[in-house]
Structure formats: structure tokens, C-alpha cells
Amino acid sequence: MVKLQYMGLLAIVISSILALSVTLPAASALIQRDNFDDSHTTTRFLGGIKVCGEHICKPGESNKMLKALNDAQHAAAKCREALKAGKKC
């Protein structure tokens, strides 16, 4: 009688482990990214806090950083076009 109880308990444990392994998603670094909004924020507070490099942004710092990045990308594009035309940039 005791063996039958242990067998029932073992069956319940195994079926529980199988059910959990099927329902819980596996963590994988190979999962494709589907969110491309590139919002550099933390999840520390609701709505997130902007992150500037290695620190939390001060008021207005994020906008300045994004403008500088945008200007640098535009300057690089203009320089690339000038180089194609044989001019210095």
C-alpha cells in the first residue's frame, strides 16, 4: 500500500515538472528582437527613466544627446557624399 502511494506521488511530481517545463518559456539569447523603438530607459519607475551613456539623464540632457547624435550622423552622411564627389570634408 505504501509503495502505491509513493508511485502516485512520483507520478504527480513528474507530471508537474513536465507541465511547468512546457508552459514556462526558456530564456534564449537567440530570440529575435521585435521592439525597435530604441528607447534608452530603465524600468526602475513606471514609464522609465532616460539613460544617457552610463548614468541617468539630467533634465534636458537626453534631448541634447539625441540632437548631437543626429547631427553627427547627418555630418557623416554629408562627408560621405563629399568624398564620393572627390572633395574634402
PDB file of N, CA and C in Angstrom:
ATOM      1  N   MET A   1       0.820  -1.194   0.000  1.00  0.00           N
ATOM      2  CA  MET A   1       0.000   0.000   0.000  1.00  0.00           C
ATOM      3  C   MET A   1       0.861   1.254   0.000  1.00  0.00           C
ATOM      4  N   VAL A   2       1.960   1.226   0.760  1.00  0.00           N
ATOM      5  CA  VAL A   2       2.846   2.385   0.854  1.00  0.00           C
ATOM      6  C   VAL A   2       3.531   2.627  -0.480  1.00  0.00           C
ATOM      7  N   LYS A   3       3.949   1.535  -1.170  1.00  0.00           N
ATOM      8  CA  LYS A   3       4.596   1.683  -2.466  1.00  0.00           C
ATOM      9  C   LYS A   3       3.656   2.348  -3.461  1.00  0.00           C
ATOM     10  N   LEU A   4       2.388   2.023  -3.396  1.00  0.00           N
ATOM     11  CA  LEU A   4       1.405   2.593  -4.315  1.00  0.00           C
ATOM     12  C   LEU A   4       1.259   4.098  -4.076  1.00  0.00           C
ATOM     13  N   GLN A   5       1.319   4.554  -2.822  1.00  0.00           N
ATOM     14  CA  GLN A   5       1.237   5.990  -2.525  1.00  0.00           C
ATOM     15  C   GLN A   5       2.459   6.716  -3.070  1.00  0.00           C
ATOM     16  N   TYR A   6       3.642   6.103  -2.900  1.00  0.00           N
ATOM     17  CA  TYR A   6       4.857   6.734  -3.426  1.00  0.00           C
ATOM     18  C   TYR A   6       4.834   6.794  -4.946  1.00  0.00           C
ATOM     19  N   MET A   7       4.300   5.770  -5.570  1.00  0.00           N
ATOM     20  CA  MET A   7       4.210   5.767  -7.027  1.00  0.00           C
ATOM     21  C   MET A   7       3.262   6.869  -7.507  1.00  0.00           C
ATOM     22  N   GLY A   8       2.166   7.070  -6.790  1.00  0.00           N
ATOM     23  CA  GLY A   8       1.233   8.143  -7.134  1.00  0.00           C
ATOM     24  C   GLY A   8       1.869   9.512  -6.952  1.00  0.00           C
ATOM     25  N   LEU A   9       2.620   9.672  -5.859  1.00  0.00           N
ATOM     26  CA  LEU A   9       3.313  10.928  -5.600  1.00  0.00           C
ATOM     27  C   LEU A   9       4.376  11.183  -6.668  1.00  0.00           C
ATOM     28  N   LEU A  10       5.099  10.156  -7.036  1.00  0.00           N
ATOM     29  CA  LEU A  10       6.114  10.279  -8.080  1.00  0.00           C
ATOM     30  C   LEU A  10       5.478  10.664  -9.413  1.00  0.00           C
ATOM     31  N   ALA A  11       4.340  10.079  -9.722  1.00  0.00           N
ATOM     32  CA  ALA A  11       3.647  10.404 -10.967  1.00  0.00           C
ATOM     33  C   ALA A  11       3.190  11.868 -10.968  1.00  0.00           C
ATOM     34  N   ILE A  12       2.713  12.340  -9.837  1.00  0.00           N
ATOM     35  CA  ILE A  12       2.275  13.736  -9.736  1.00  0.00           C
ATOM     36  C   ILE A  12       3.460  14.684  -9.901  1.00  0.00           C
ATOM     37  N   VAL A  13       4.582  14.381  -9.275  1.00  0.00           N
ATOM     38  CA  VAL A  13       5.780  15.225  -9.368  1.00  0.00           C
ATOM     39  C   VAL A  13       6.283  15.278 -10.807  1.00  0.00           C
ATOM     40  N   ILE A  14       6.373  14.129 -11.449  1.00  0.00           N
ATOM     41  CA  ILE A  14       6.858  14.093 -12.830  1.00  0.00           C
ATOM     42  C   ILE A  14       5.922  14.848 -13.763  1.00  0.00           C
ATOM     43  N   SER A  15       4.625  14.650 -13.609  1.00  0.00           N
ATOM     44  CA  SER A  15       3.687  15.358 -14.478  1.00  0.00           C
ATOM     45  C   SER A  15       3.714  16.862 -14.210  1.00  0.00           C
ATOM     46  N   SER A  16       3.924  17.272 -12.969  1.00  0.00           N
ATOM     47  CA  SER A  16       4.041  18.697 -12.653  1.00  0.00           C
ATOM     48  C   SER A  16       5.282  19.300 -13.292  1.00  0.00           C
ATOM     49  N   ILE A  17       6.397  18.589 -13.224  1.00  0.00           N
ATOM     50  CA  ILE A  17       7.636  19.075 -13.831  1.00  0.00           C
ATOM     51  C   ILE A  17       7.477  19.189 -15.344  1.00  0.00           C
ATOM     52  N   LEU A  18       6.868  18.214 -15.953  1.00  0.00           N
ATOM     53  CA  LEU A  18       6.641  18.267 -17.398  1.00  0.00           C
ATOM     54  C   LEU A  18       5.724  19.428 -17.781  1.00  0.00           C
ATOM     55  N   ALA A  19       4.668  19.623 -17.013  1.00  0.00           N
ATOM     56  CA  ALA A  19       3.738  20.717 -17.312  1.00  0.00           C
ATOM     57  C   ALA A  19       4.427  22.075 -17.176  1.00  0.00           C
ATOM     58  N   LEU A  20       5.244  22.244 -16.145  1.00  0.00           N
ATOM     59  CA  LEU A  20       5.959  23.507 -15.964  1.00  0.00           C
ATOM     60  C   LEU A  20       7.002  23.728 -17.052  1.00  0.00           C
ATOM     61  N   SER A  21       7.691  22.674 -17.455  1.00  0.00           N
ATOM     62  CA  SER A  21       8.716  22.834 -18.484  1.00  0.00           C
ATOM     63  C   SER A  21       8.107  23.197 -19.831  1.00  0.00           C
ATOM     64  N   VAL A  22       6.885  22.780 -20.069  1.00  0.00           N
ATOM     65  CA  VAL A  22       6.208  23.122 -21.328  1.00  0.00           C
ATOM     66  C   VAL A  22       5.646  24.535 -21.282  1.00  0.00           C
ATOM     67  N   THR A  23       5.129  24.963 -20.150  1.00  0.00           N
ATOM     68  CA  THR A  23       4.461  26.265 -20.079  1.00  0.00           C
ATOM     69  C   THR A  23       5.405  27.430 -19.849  1.00  0.00           C
ATOM     70  N   LEU A  24       6.533  27.214 -19.168  1.00  0.00           N
ATOM     71  CA  LEU A  24       7.464  28.306 -18.913  1.00  0.00           C
ATOM     72  C   LEU A  24       8.376  28.498 -20.113  1.00  0.00           C
ATOM     73  N   PRO A  25       8.520  29.733 -20.598  1.00  0.00           N
ATOM     74  CA  PRO A  25       9.396  29.952 -21.754  1.00  0.00           C
ATOM     75  C   PRO A  25      10.868  29.838 -21.356  1.00  0.00           C
ATOM     76  N   ALA A  26      11.646  29.325 -22.243  1.00  0.00           N
ATOM     77  CA  ALA A  26      13.081  29.202 -21.992  1.00  0.00           C
ATOM     78  C   ALA A  26      13.759  30.513 -22.346  1.00  0.00           C
ATOM     79  N   ALA A  27      14.705  30.931 -21.544  1.00  0.00           N
ATOM     80  CA  ALA A  27      15.474  32.138 -21.853  1.00  0.00           C
ATOM     81  C   ALA A  27      16.494  31.785 -22.915  1.00  0.00           C
ATOM     82  N   SER A  28      16.565  32.614 -23.933  1.00  0.00           N
ATOM     83  CA  SER A  28      17.494  32.344 -25.012  1.00  0.00           C
ATOM     84  C   SER A  28      18.013  33.644 -25.583  1.00  0.00           C
ATOM     85  N   ALA A  29      19.300  33.690 -25.852  1.00  0.00           N
ATOM     86  CA  ALA A  29      19.900  34.868 -26.480  1.00  0.00           C
ATOM     87  C   ALA A  29      19.636  34.859 -27.977  1.00  0.00           C
ATOM     88  N   LEU A  30      19.053  33.807 -28.487  1.00  0.00           N
ATOM     89  CA  LEU A  30      18.798  33.701 -29.916  1.00  0.00           C
ATOM     90  C   LEU A  30      17.400  34.153 -30.311  1.00  0.00           C
ATOM     91  N   ILE A  31      16.637  34.655 -29.344  1.00  0.00           N
ATOM     92  CA  ILE A  31      15.297  35.145 -29.659  1.00  0.00           C
ATOM     93  C   ILE A  31      15.430  36.451 -30.420  1.00  0.00           C
ATOM     94  N   GLN A  32      14.751  36.549 -31.551  1.00  0.00           N
ATOM     95  CA  GLN A  32      14.846  37.760 -32.351  1.00  0.00           C
ATOM     96  C   GLN A  32      14.209  38.937 -31.647  1.00  0.00           C
ATOM     97  N   ARG A  33      14.806  40.086 -31.818  1.00  0.00           N
ATOM     98  CA  ARG A  33      14.292  41.316 -31.234  1.00  0.00           C
ATOM     99  C   ARG A  33      13.114  41.797 -32.069  1.00  0.00           C
ATOM    100  N   ASP A  34      12.026  42.163 -31.414  1.00  0.00           N
ATOM    101  CA  ASP A  34      10.857  42.653 -32.147  1.00  0.00           C
ATOM    102  C   ASP A  34      10.473  44.067 -31.727  1.00  0.00           C
ATOM    103  N   ASN A  35      11.252  44.676 -30.866  1.00  0.00           N
ATOM    104  CA  ASN A  35      10.965  46.029 -30.410  1.00  0.00           C
ATOM    105  C   ASN A  35      12.127  46.919 -30.829  1.00  0.00           C
ATOM    106  N   PHE A  36      11.893  47.785 -31.808  1.00  0.00           N
ATOM    107  CA  PHE A  36      12.960  48.606 -32.357  1.00  0.00           C
ATOM    108  C   PHE A  36      12.776  50.083 -32.037  1.00  0.00           C
ATOM    109  N   ASP A  37      12.114  50.415 -30.940  1.00  0.00           N
ATOM    110  CA  ASP A  37      11.903  51.832 -30.641  1.00  0.00           C
ATOM    111  C   ASP A  37      13.136  52.475 -30.019  1.00  0.00           C
ATOM    112  N   ASP A  38      14.121  51.669 -29.612  1.00  0.00           N
ATOM    113  CA  ASP A  38      15.390  52.163 -29.069  1.00  0.00           C
ATOM    114  C   ASP A  38      15.198  53.223 -27.994  1.00  0.00           C
ATOM    115  N   SER A  39      14.247  53.012 -27.131  1.00  0.00           N
ATOM    116  CA  SER A  39      14.051  53.933 -26.015  1.00  0.00           C
ATOM    117  C   SER A  39      15.001  53.517 -24.896  1.00  0.00           C
ATOM    118  N   HIS A  40      16.014  54.315 -24.696  1.00  0.00           N
ATOM    119  CA  HIS A  40      17.026  54.007 -23.697  1.00  0.00           C
ATOM    120  C   HIS A  40      16.518  54.459 -22.331  1.00  0.00           C
ATOM    121  N   THR A  41      15.732  53.604 -21.715  1.00  0.00           N
ATOM    122  CA  THR A  41      15.141  53.926 -20.421  1.00  0.00           C
ATOM    123  C   THR A  41      15.350  52.762 -19.469  1.00  0.00           C
ATOM    124  N   THR A  42      15.185  53.049 -18.190  1.00  0.00           N
ATOM    125  CA  THR A  42      15.239  51.999 -17.184  1.00  0.00           C
ATOM    126  C   THR A  42      13.810  51.601 -16.845  1.00  0.00           C
ATOM    127  N   THR A  43      13.669  50.483 -16.198  1.00  0.00           N
ATOM    128  CA  THR A  43      12.349  50.068 -15.737  1.00  0.00           C
ATOM    129  C   THR A  43      12.231  50.302 -14.242  1.00  0.00           C
ATOM    130  N   ARG A  44      13.036  51.227 -13.751  1.00  0.00           N
ATOM    131  CA  ARG A  44      13.055  51.498 -12.323  1.00  0.00           C
ATOM    132  C   ARG A  44      11.740  52.090 -11.842  1.00  0.00           C
ATOM    133  N   PHE A  45      11.159  52.956 -12.639  1.00  0.00           N
ATOM    134  CA  PHE A  45       9.887  53.581 -12.311  1.00  0.00           C
ATOM    135  C   PHE A  45       8.932  53.417 -13.480  1.00  0.00           C
ATOM    136  N   LEU A  46       7.660  53.597 -13.241  1.00  0.00           N
ATOM    137  CA  LEU A  46       6.654  53.483 -14.288  1.00  0.00           C
ATOM    138  C   LEU A  46       6.942  54.500 -15.384  1.00  0.00           C
ATOM    139  N   GLY A  47       7.002  54.054 -16.613  1.00  0.00           N
ATOM    140  CA  GLY A  47       7.307  54.947 -17.723  1.00  0.00           C
ATOM    141  C   GLY A  47       8.783  54.996 -18.035  1.00  0.00           C
ATOM    142  N   GLY A  48       9.626  54.564 -17.132  1.00  0.00           N
ATOM    143  CA  GLY A  48      11.057  54.516 -17.364  1.00  0.00           C
ATOM    144  C   GLY A  48      11.732  55.850 -17.144  1.00  0.00           C
ATOM    145  N   ILE A  49      13.020  55.783 -16.918  1.00  0.00           N
ATOM    146  CA  ILE A  49      13.855  56.963 -16.741  1.00  0.00           C
ATOM    147  C   ILE A  49      14.878  56.935 -17.862  1.00  0.00           C
ATOM    148  N   LYS A  50      15.113  58.061 -18.503  1.00  0.00           N
ATOM    149  CA  LYS A  50      16.064  58.128 -19.607  1.00  0.00           C
ATOM    150  C   LYS A  50      17.471  57.831 -19.112  1.00  0.00           C
ATOM    151  N   VAL A  51      18.236  57.122 -19.937  1.00  0.00           N
ATOM    152  CA  VAL A  51      19.606  56.774 -19.617  1.00  0.00           C
ATOM    153  C   VAL A  51      20.509  57.433 -20.643  1.00  0.00           C
ATOM    154  N   CYS A  52      21.515  58.165 -20.166  1.00  0.00           N
ATOM    155  CA  CYS A  52      22.490  58.832 -21.031  1.00  0.00           C
ATOM    156  C   CYS A  52      23.854  58.190 -20.795  1.00  0.00           C
ATOM    157  N   GLY A  53      24.240  57.298 -21.670  1.00  0.00           N
ATOM    158  CA  GLY A  53      25.525  56.620 -21.511  1.00  0.00           C
ATOM    159  C   GLY A  53      25.498  55.694 -20.317  1.00  0.00           C
ATOM    160  N   GLU A  54      26.258  56.036 -19.299  1.00  0.00           N
ATOM    161  CA  GLU A  54      26.362  55.183 -18.122  1.00  0.00           C
ATOM    162  C   GLU A  54      25.695  55.800 -16.899  1.00  0.00           C
ATOM    163  N   HIS A  55      24.881  56.810 -17.092  1.00  0.00           N
ATOM    164  CA  HIS A  55      24.220  57.441 -15.951  1.00  0.00           C
ATOM    165  C   HIS A  55      22.787  57.817 -16.323  1.00  0.00           C
ATOM    166  N   ILE A  56      21.988  58.111 -15.310  1.00  0.00           N
ATOM    167  CA  ILE A  56      20.619  58.559 -15.530  1.00  0.00           C
ATOM    168  C   ILE A  56      20.664  60.019 -15.967  1.00  0.00           C
ATOM    169  N   CYS A  57      19.932  60.339 -17.015  1.00  0.00           N
ATOM    170  CA  CYS A  57      19.970  61.680 -17.599  1.00  0.00           C
ATOM    171  C   CYS A  57      19.441  62.737 -16.637  1.00  0.00           C
ATOM    172  N   LYS A  58      20.081  63.883 -16.704  1.00  0.00           N
ATOM    173  CA  LYS A  58      19.562  65.052 -16.004  1.00  0.00           C
ATOM    174  C   LYS A  58      18.502  65.675 -16.896  1.00  0.00           C
ATOM    175  N   PRO A  59      17.669  66.574 -16.367  1.00  0.00           N
ATOM    176  CA  PRO A  59      16.634  67.186 -17.206  1.00  0.00           C
ATOM    177  C   PRO A  59      17.230  67.880 -18.434  1.00  0.00           C
ATOM    178  N   GLY A  60      16.733  67.535 -19.611  1.00  0.00           N
ATOM    179  CA  GLY A  60      17.184  68.131 -20.859  1.00  0.00           C
ATOM    180  C   GLY A  60      18.411  67.484 -21.464  1.00  0.00           C
ATOM    181  N   GLU A  61      19.121  66.657 -20.715  1.00  0.00           N
ATOM    182  CA  GLU A  61      20.355  66.051 -21.210  1.00  0.00           C
ATOM    183  C   GLU A  61      20.076  65.033 -22.321  1.00  0.00           C
ATOM    184  N   SER A  62      18.987  64.305 -22.199  1.00  0.00           N
ATOM    185  CA  SER A  62      18.656  63.299 -23.200  1.00  0.00           C
ATOM    186  C   SER A  62      18.411  63.944 -24.555  1.00  0.00           C
ATOM    187  N   ASN A  63      17.670  65.041 -24.575  1.00  0.00           N
ATOM    188  CA  ASN A  63      17.393  65.722 -25.846  1.00  0.00           C
ATOM    189  C   ASN A  63      18.666  66.263 -26.472  1.00  0.00           C
ATOM    190  N   LYS A  64      19.576  66.814 -25.664  1.00  0.00           N
ATOM    191  CA  LYS A  64      20.854  67.316 -26.175  1.00  0.00           C
ATOM    192  C   LYS A  64      21.677  66.169 -26.764  1.00  0.00           C
ATOM    193  N   MET A  65      21.686  65.025 -26.075  1.00  0.00           N
ATOM    194  CA  MET A  65      22.450  63.888 -26.551  1.00  0.00           C
ATOM    195  C   MET A  65      21.875  63.379 -27.873  1.00  0.00           C
ATOM    196  N   LEU A  66      20.560  63.285 -27.975  1.00  0.00           N
ATOM    197  CA  LEU A  66      19.935  62.815 -29.211  1.00  0.00           C
ATOM    198  C   LEU A  66      20.188  63.783 -30.359  1.00  0.00           C
ATOM    199  N   LYS A  67      20.163  65.093 -30.090  1.00  0.00           N
ATOM    200  CA  LYS A  67      20.434  66.084 -31.131  1.00  0.00           C
ATOM    201  C   LYS A  67      21.876  65.983 -31.599  1.00  0.00           C
ATOM    202  N   ALA A  68      22.816  65.826 -30.664  1.00  0.00           N
ATOM    203  CA  ALA A  68      24.223  65.687 -31.032  1.00  0.00           C
ATOM    204  C   ALA A  68      24.449  64.424 -31.859  1.00  0.00           C
ATOM    205  N   LEU A  69      23.793  63.354 -31.504  1.00  0.00           N
ATOM    206  CA  LEU A  69      23.902  62.111 -32.256  1.00  0.00           C
ATOM    207  C   LEU A  69      23.339  62.284 -33.662  1.00  0.00           C
ATOM    208  N   ASN A  70      22.194  62.908 -33.757  1.00  0.00           N
ATOM    209  CA  ASN A  70      21.563  63.150 -35.054  1.00  0.00           C
ATOM    210  C   ASN A  70      22.442  64.040 -35.927  1.00  0.00           C
ATOM    211  N   ASP A  71      23.007  65.105 -35.347  1.00  0.00           N
ATOM    212  CA  ASP A  71      23.884  65.997 -36.094  1.00  0.00           C
ATOM    213  C   ASP A  71      25.125  65.267 -36.587  1.00  0.00           C
ATOM    214  N   ALA A  72      25.698  64.399 -35.749  1.00  0.00           N
ATOM    215  CA  ALA A  72      26.877  63.636 -36.142  1.00  0.00           C
ATOM    216  C   ALA A  72      26.569  62.691 -37.294  1.00  0.00           C
ATOM    217  N   GLN A  73      25.385  62.075 -37.265  1.00  0.00           N
ATOM    218  CA  GLN A  73      25.006  61.172 -38.346  1.00  0.00           C
ATOM    219  C   GLN A  73      24.800  61.936 -39.644  1.00  0.00           C
ATOM    220  N   HIS A  74      24.194  63.125 -39.571  1.00  0.00           N
ATOM    221  CA  HIS A  74      23.989  63.935 -40.771  1.00  0.00           C
ATOM    222  C   HIS A  74      25.328  64.429 -41.313  1.00  0.00           C
ATOM    223  N   ALA A  75      26.249  64.821 -40.427  1.00  0.00           N
ATOM    224  CA  ALA A  75      27.569  65.283 -40.856  1.00  0.00           C
ATOM    225  C   ALA A  75      28.323  64.149 -41.544  1.00  0.00           C
ATOM    226  N   ALA A  76      28.198  62.944 -41.023  1.00  0.00           N
ATOM    227  CA  ALA A  76      28.873  61.801 -41.633  1.00  0.00           C
ATOM    228  C   ALA A  76      28.303  61.517 -43.018  1.00  0.00           C
ATOM    229  N   ALA A  77      27.013  61.649 -43.162  1.00  0.00           N
ATOM    230  CA  ALA A  77      26.383  61.425 -44.466  1.00  0.00           C
ATOM    231  C   ALA A  77      26.838  62.477 -45.472  1.00  0.00           C
ATOM    232  N   LYS A  78      26.912  63.740 -45.047  1.00  0.00           N
ATOM    233  CA  LYS A  78      27.374  64.801 -45.934  1.00  0.00           C
ATOM    234  C   LYS A  78      28.827  64.592 -46.314  1.00  0.00           C
ATOM    235  N   CYS A  79      29.632  64.169 -45.363  1.00  0.00           N
ATOM    236  CA  CYS A  79      31.047  63.909 -45.617  1.00  0.00           C
ATOM    237  C   CYS A  79      31.208  62.764 -46.609  1.00  0.00           C
ATOM    238  N   ARG A  80      30.420  61.727 -46.452  1.00  0.00           N
ATOM    239  CA  ARG A  80      30.478  60.581 -47.354  1.00  0.00           C
ATOM    240  C   ARG A  80      30.143  61.012 -48.777  1.00  0.00           C
ATOM    241  N   GLU A  81      29.131  61.871 -48.923  1.00  0.00           N
ATOM    242  CA  GLU A  81      28.753  62.361 -50.249  1.00  0.00           C
ATOM    243  C   GLU A  81      29.869  63.228 -50.832  1.00  0.00           C
ATOM    244  N   ALA A  82      30.498  64.049 -49.994  1.00  0.00           N
ATOM    245  CA  ALA A  82      31.597  64.899 -50.472  1.00  0.00           C
ATOM    246  C   ALA A  82      32.781  64.033 -50.918  1.00  0.00           C
ATOM    247  N   LEU A  83      33.087  62.996 -50.186  1.00  0.00           N
ATOM    248  CA  LEU A  83      34.188  62.119 -50.558  1.00  0.00           C
ATOM    249  C   LEU A  83      33.913  61.402 -51.876  1.00  0.00           C
ATOM    250  N   LYS A  84      32.644  61.034 -52.099  1.00  0.00           N
ATOM    251  CA  LYS A  84      32.282  60.383 -53.367  1.00  0.00           C
ATOM    252  C   LYS A  84      32.496  61.350 -54.531  1.00  0.00           C
ATOM    253  N   ALA A  85      32.256  62.638 -54.256  1.00  0.00           N
ATOM    254  CA  ALA A  85      32.423  63.654 -55.309  1.00  0.00           C
ATOM    255  C   ALA A  85      33.879  64.081 -55.440  1.00  0.00           C
ATOM    256  N   GLY A  86      34.795  63.527 -54.632  1.00  0.00           N
ATOM    257  CA  GLY A  86      36.202  63.855 -54.712  1.00  0.00           C
ATOM    258  C   GLY A  86      36.593  65.099 -53.934  1.00  0.00           C
ATOM    259  N   LYS A  87      35.728  65.561 -53.055  1.00  0.00           N
ATOM    260  CA  LYS A  87      36.011  66.754 -52.256  1.00  0.00           C
ATOM    261  C   LYS A  87      36.430  66.348 -50.851  1.00  0.00           C
ATOM    262  N   LYS A  88      37.063  67.283 -50.149  1.00  0.00           N
ATOM    263  CA  LYS A  88      37.409  67.051 -48.745  1.00  0.00           C
ATOM    264  C   LYS A  88      36.208  67.375 -47.868  1.00  0.00           C
ATOM    265  N   CYS A  89      36.169  66.758 -46.721  1.00  0.00           N
ATOM    266  CA  CYS A  89      35.068  67.090 -45.794  1.00  0.00           C
ATOM    267  C   CYS A  89      35.596  67.572 -44.468  1.00  0.00           C
TER     268      CYS A  89
END
